[in-house]
């Protein structure tokens, strides 16, 4: 599949994982595939990279913004950040690096839109088809190089067309732009995740688990590249 999901890393859930740890989803990785797990650990007290157990999601986000350049954190996954009303994302699209549209039950024609430099970088269908614009047979479309601050009215027009309305049953903002301000909806997510590649060619997969908006544990897996 030639979409940006090629560079996503599916972290396998270890048989010894707790129920909390089993909430892991897809992480993005800008590295080559991993070869083996070196170690895994769960932190429930103290801190890791200044990320402190017991801090609020807002404070955790501030810490990530503080350390992301030094630690080379380029991507932050926000688990379960989906909506069923388009108006719910009207003022938050620009805070993310991508947007997914699909029916309630996933389809091969679900739409994956990736942003870069405040523009649409790419558009793919779930089946891997690369598009220059979507939909192709509509008077209103979203297209590569469109400014993301102009997407919402276009999406409203597309949704009003019965041919495409079902693709707005599940609207997802999973990929947070860490350079943008905190989105208050992040407090509802049970987990944030990211990957970092160290100078020692070790990939760190970091899962930040939250309970009612408070950082409750950090699950860390190290992979040898």
Protein backbone atom coordinates (compact mmCIF):
# COMPACT_ATOMS: atom_id res chain seq x y z
CA UNK A 1 0.00 0.00 0.00
CA UNK A 2 1.51 3.28 -1.09
CA UNK A 3 -0.16 5.62 1.38
CA UNK A 4 1.55 7.16 4.38
CA UNK A 5 0.48 4.06 6.27
CA UNK A 6 3.54 2.43 4.71
CA UNK A 7 5.57 4.27 7.30
CA UNK A 8 3.38 3.22 10.15
CA UNK A 9 4.77 0.60 12.49
CA UNK A 10 2.37 -2.00 13.85
CA UNK A 11 3.63 -2.82 17.32
CA UNK A 12 2.66 -6.40 18.23
CA UNK A 13 1.04 -6.76 21.63
CA UNK A 14 3.12 -9.03 23.83
CA UNK A 15 1.36 -11.92 25.51
CA UNK A 16 2.48 -10.58 28.89
CA UNK A 17 0.87 -7.18 28.35
CA UNK A 18 -1.69 -6.00 30.85
CA UNK A 19 -5.16 -4.95 29.70
CA UNK A 20 -4.02 -1.33 29.94
CA UNK A 21 -1.00 -2.01 27.76
CA UNK A 22 -3.12 -3.86 25.21
CA UNK A 23 -4.66 -0.58 24.10
CA UNK A 24 -1.68 -0.10 21.79
CA UNK A 25 -2.55 0.85 18.23
CA UNK A 26 -0.58 1.76 15.14
CA UNK A 27 2.47 3.93 15.64
CA UNK A 28 4.13 5.96 12.96
CA UNK A 29 7.80 5.35 12.32
CA UNK A 30 10.09 7.21 9.93
CA UNK A 31 12.62 4.40 10.09
CA UNK A 32 13.26 1.05 8.47
CA UNK A 33 11.45 -2.01 9.81
CA UNK A 34 12.58 -3.28 13.19
CA UNK A 35 14.29 -6.64 13.59
CA UNK A 36 13.72 -7.67 17.20
CA UNK A 37 12.49 -6.52 20.58
CA UNK A 38 15.30 -5.68 22.99
CA UNK A 39 13.19 -4.90 26.02
CA UNK A 40 9.82 -3.64 27.20
CA UNK A 41 8.83 -1.99 30.44
CA UNK A 42 5.91 -0.22 32.08
CA UNK A 43 6.47 2.82 34.26
CA UNK A 44 3.75 3.60 36.82
CA UNK A 45 5.68 6.00 39.06
CA UNK A 46 8.33 8.62 38.45
CA UNK A 47 9.12 10.02 35.02
CA UNK A 48 10.61 9.22 31.62
CA UNK A 49 12.12 11.97 29.47
CA UNK A 50 10.50 14.54 31.80
CA UNK A 51 7.09 12.94 31.18
CA UNK A 52 5.82 12.47 34.72
CA UNK A 53 3.24 10.00 35.98
CA UNK A 54 0.35 11.94 37.54
CA UNK A 55 0.64 14.95 35.24
CA UNK A 56 -2.44 16.15 33.35
CA UNK A 57 -2.69 15.63 29.61
CA UNK A 58 -2.16 19.36 29.12
CA UNK A 59 1.08 19.33 31.12
CA UNK A 60 2.25 16.19 29.32
CA UNK A 61 1.64 17.91 25.99
CA UNK A 62 3.62 20.96 27.12
CA UNK A 63 6.48 18.66 28.09
CA UNK A 64 6.39 16.96 24.70
CA UNK A 65 6.56 20.34 23.00
CA UNK A 66 9.56 21.17 25.18
CA UNK A 67 11.52 18.00 24.43
CA UNK A 68 10.38 17.06 20.93
CA UNK A 69 13.27 18.70 19.09
CA UNK A 70 15.95 17.23 21.34
CA UNK A 71 14.35 13.78 21.35
CA UNK A 72 13.30 13.97 17.69
CA UNK A 73 9.64 13.38 18.36
CA UNK A 74 8.10 14.26 15.01
CA UNK A 75 4.74 12.59 15.40
CA UNK A 76 2.14 12.12 18.11
CA UNK A 77 -0.62 9.57 17.68
CA UNK A 78 -3.89 10.28 19.50
CA UNK A 79 -5.89 7.08 20.02
CA UNK A 80 -9.69 7.04 19.64
CA UNK A 81 -9.86 10.64 18.41
CA UNK A 82 -12.86 10.12 16.12
CA UNK A 83 -16.05 12.08 15.54
CA UNK A 84 -19.41 11.51 13.86
CA UNK A 85 -20.28 15.17 13.34
CA UNK A 86 -18.29 17.24 10.90
CA UNK A 87 -18.87 20.42 12.90
CA UNK A 88 -16.91 18.88 15.77
CA UNK A 89 -13.67 19.23 13.80
CA UNK A 90 -14.33 22.68 12.33
CA UNK A 91 -11.87 24.48 14.59
CA UNK A 92 -9.33 21.71 15.06
CA UNK A 93 -8.40 20.45 11.57
CA UNK A 94 -5.36 22.74 11.44
CA UNK A 95 -4.01 21.28 14.71
CA UNK A 96 -3.37 17.90 13.08
CA UNK A 97 -1.22 16.43 10.33
CA UNK A 98 -3.91 14.29 8.80
CA UNK A 99 -7.59 13.52 8.47
CA UNK A 100 -9.34 10.20 7.83
CA UNK A 101 -12.88 9.78 6.52
CA UNK A 102 -14.79 6.52 6.40
CA UNK A 103 -18.02 4.72 7.05
CA UNK A 104 -18.71 3.42 10.54
CA UNK A 105 -17.51 0.04 9.36
CA UNK A 106 -14.17 0.52 7.61
CA UNK A 107 -14.10 0.29 3.81
CA UNK A 108 -11.46 0.05 1.10
CA UNK A 109 -12.62 3.42 -0.19
CA UNK A 110 -12.10 5.26 3.07
CA UNK A 111 -10.08 8.44 2.55
CA UNK A 112 -6.70 9.23 4.13
CA UNK A 113 -5.54 12.84 3.86
CA UNK A 114 -2.05 13.85 4.99
CA UNK A 115 -1.00 17.44 5.68
CA UNK A 116 2.38 19.14 5.51
CA UNK A 117 3.29 22.82 5.83
CA UNK A 118 -0.43 23.66 6.28
CA UNK A 119 -1.34 22.14 2.92
CA UNK A 120 -2.65 18.78 1.75
CA UNK A 121 0.41 16.68 1.00
CA UNK A 122 -1.31 13.52 -0.22
CA UNK A 123 -4.66 11.78 -0.57
CA UNK A 124 -5.06 8.01 -0.58
CA UNK A 125 -7.88 5.54 -0.38
CA UNK A 126 -7.60 2.72 2.12
CA UNK A 127 -6.96 0.30 -0.74
CA UNK A 128 -3.75 2.17 -1.59
CA UNK A 129 -5.03 4.19 -4.54
CA UNK A 130 -3.30 7.55 -4.76
CA UNK A 131 -5.49 10.51 -5.68
CA UNK A 132 -4.86 14.08 -6.75
CA UNK A 133 -8.28 15.07 -5.50
CA UNK A 134 -11.34 13.60 -3.79
CA UNK A 135 -14.05 12.95 -4.80
CA UNK A 136 -13.18 12.78 -8.48
CA UNK A 137 -16.80 13.07 -9.64
CA UNK A 138 -18.01 16.03 -7.60
CA UNK A 139 -18.32 19.75 -8.24
CA UNK A 140 -16.57 20.33 -4.90
CA UNK A 141 -13.34 18.49 -4.12
CA UNK A 142 -10.36 18.58 -1.80
CA UNK A 143 -7.05 18.41 -3.63
CA UNK A 144 -3.33 18.09 -3.07
CA UNK A 145 -1.84 21.53 -2.26
CA UNK A 146 -5.13 22.87 -0.88
CA UNK A 147 -4.64 25.02 2.22
CA UNK A 148 -5.90 23.09 5.23
CA UNK A 149 -7.53 26.16 6.76
CA UNK A 150 -9.87 26.13 3.76
CA UNK A 151 -10.88 22.46 3.99
CA UNK A 152 -13.87 22.68 6.30
CA UNK A 153 -16.32 24.44 3.92
CA UNK A 154 -15.31 22.07 1.14
CA UNK A 155 -15.91 19.07 3.38
CA UNK A 156 -19.35 20.41 4.29
CA UNK A 157 -20.27 20.68 0.62
CA UNK A 158 -19.00 17.18 -0.11
CA UNK A 159 -20.90 15.74 2.86
CA UNK A 160 -24.13 17.29 1.56
CA UNK A 161 -23.87 15.08 -1.52
CA UNK A 162 -25.68 11.80 -0.80
CA UNK A 163 -23.07 9.90 -2.83
CA UNK A 164 -20.38 10.71 -0.27
CA UNK A 165 -22.27 11.36 2.96
CA UNK A 166 -21.49 7.93 4.44
CA UNK A 167 -17.77 8.65 4.30
CA UNK A 168 -18.40 11.16 7.10
CA UNK A 169 -19.83 8.60 9.51
CA UNK A 170 -16.41 8.34 11.16
CA UNK A 171 -14.10 11.35 11.00
CA UNK A 172 -10.72 10.76 12.63
CA UNK A 173 -7.89 13.05 13.67
CA UNK A 174 -5.27 10.58 14.85
CA UNK A 175 -2.09 12.46 13.94
CA UNK A 176 -1.40 15.52 16.11
CA UNK A 177 0.91 18.28 14.91
CA UNK A 178 3.13 18.67 17.97
CA UNK A 179 4.11 22.17 16.84
CA UNK A 180 0.52 23.36 17.18
CA UNK A 181 -1.37 24.20 20.36
CA UNK A 182 -2.98 21.60 22.60
CA UNK A 183 -6.43 20.44 21.53
CA UNK A 184 -8.71 20.13 24.60
CA UNK A 185 -10.29 17.01 23.09
CA UNK A 186 -6.98 15.21 23.71
CA UNK A 187 -8.00 14.84 27.36
CA UNK A 188 -10.51 12.17 26.29
CA UNK A 189 -7.95 9.93 24.62
CA UNK A 190 -6.85 6.86 26.61
CA UNK A 191 -3.47 6.80 24.94
CA UNK A 192 -0.96 8.87 22.98
CA UNK A 193 1.97 7.25 21.19
CA UNK A 194 5.10 8.05 19.25
CA UNK A 195 8.38 6.51 18.11
CA UNK A 196 11.92 7.82 18.39
CA UNK A 197 15.09 6.47 16.80
CA UNK A 198 18.21 6.81 18.93
CA UNK A 199 21.76 7.32 17.70
CA UNK A 200 22.42 3.72 18.74
CA UNK A 201 19.97 2.48 16.07
CA UNK A 202 17.41 1.57 18.67
CA UNK A 203 13.77 2.38 18.03
CA UNK A 204 11.81 3.48 21.09
CA UNK A 205 8.05 2.92 20.89
CA UNK A 206 6.43 5.02 23.61
CA UNK A 207 2.83 4.65 24.75
CA UNK A 208 1.45 7.26 27.16
CA UNK A 209 -1.60 5.81 28.91
CA UNK A 210 -4.15 8.14 30.49
CA UNK A 211 -6.93 7.67 33.02
CA UNK A 212 -9.48 10.52 33.15
CA UNK A 213 -6.94 12.88 31.61
CA UNK A 214 -4.07 11.99 33.97
CA UNK A 215 -0.93 10.16 32.84
CA UNK A 216 -1.21 6.80 34.61
CA UNK A 217 1.55 4.76 32.97
CA UNK A 218 4.19 4.80 30.26
CA UNK A 219 4.77 1.65 28.23
CA UNK A 220 8.18 1.57 26.54
CA UNK A 221 9.39 -0.98 24.01
CA UNK A 222 12.88 -0.90 22.49
CA UNK A 223 13.58 -2.47 19.10
CA UNK A 224 16.89 -3.16 17.41
CA UNK A 225 16.88 -1.76 13.88
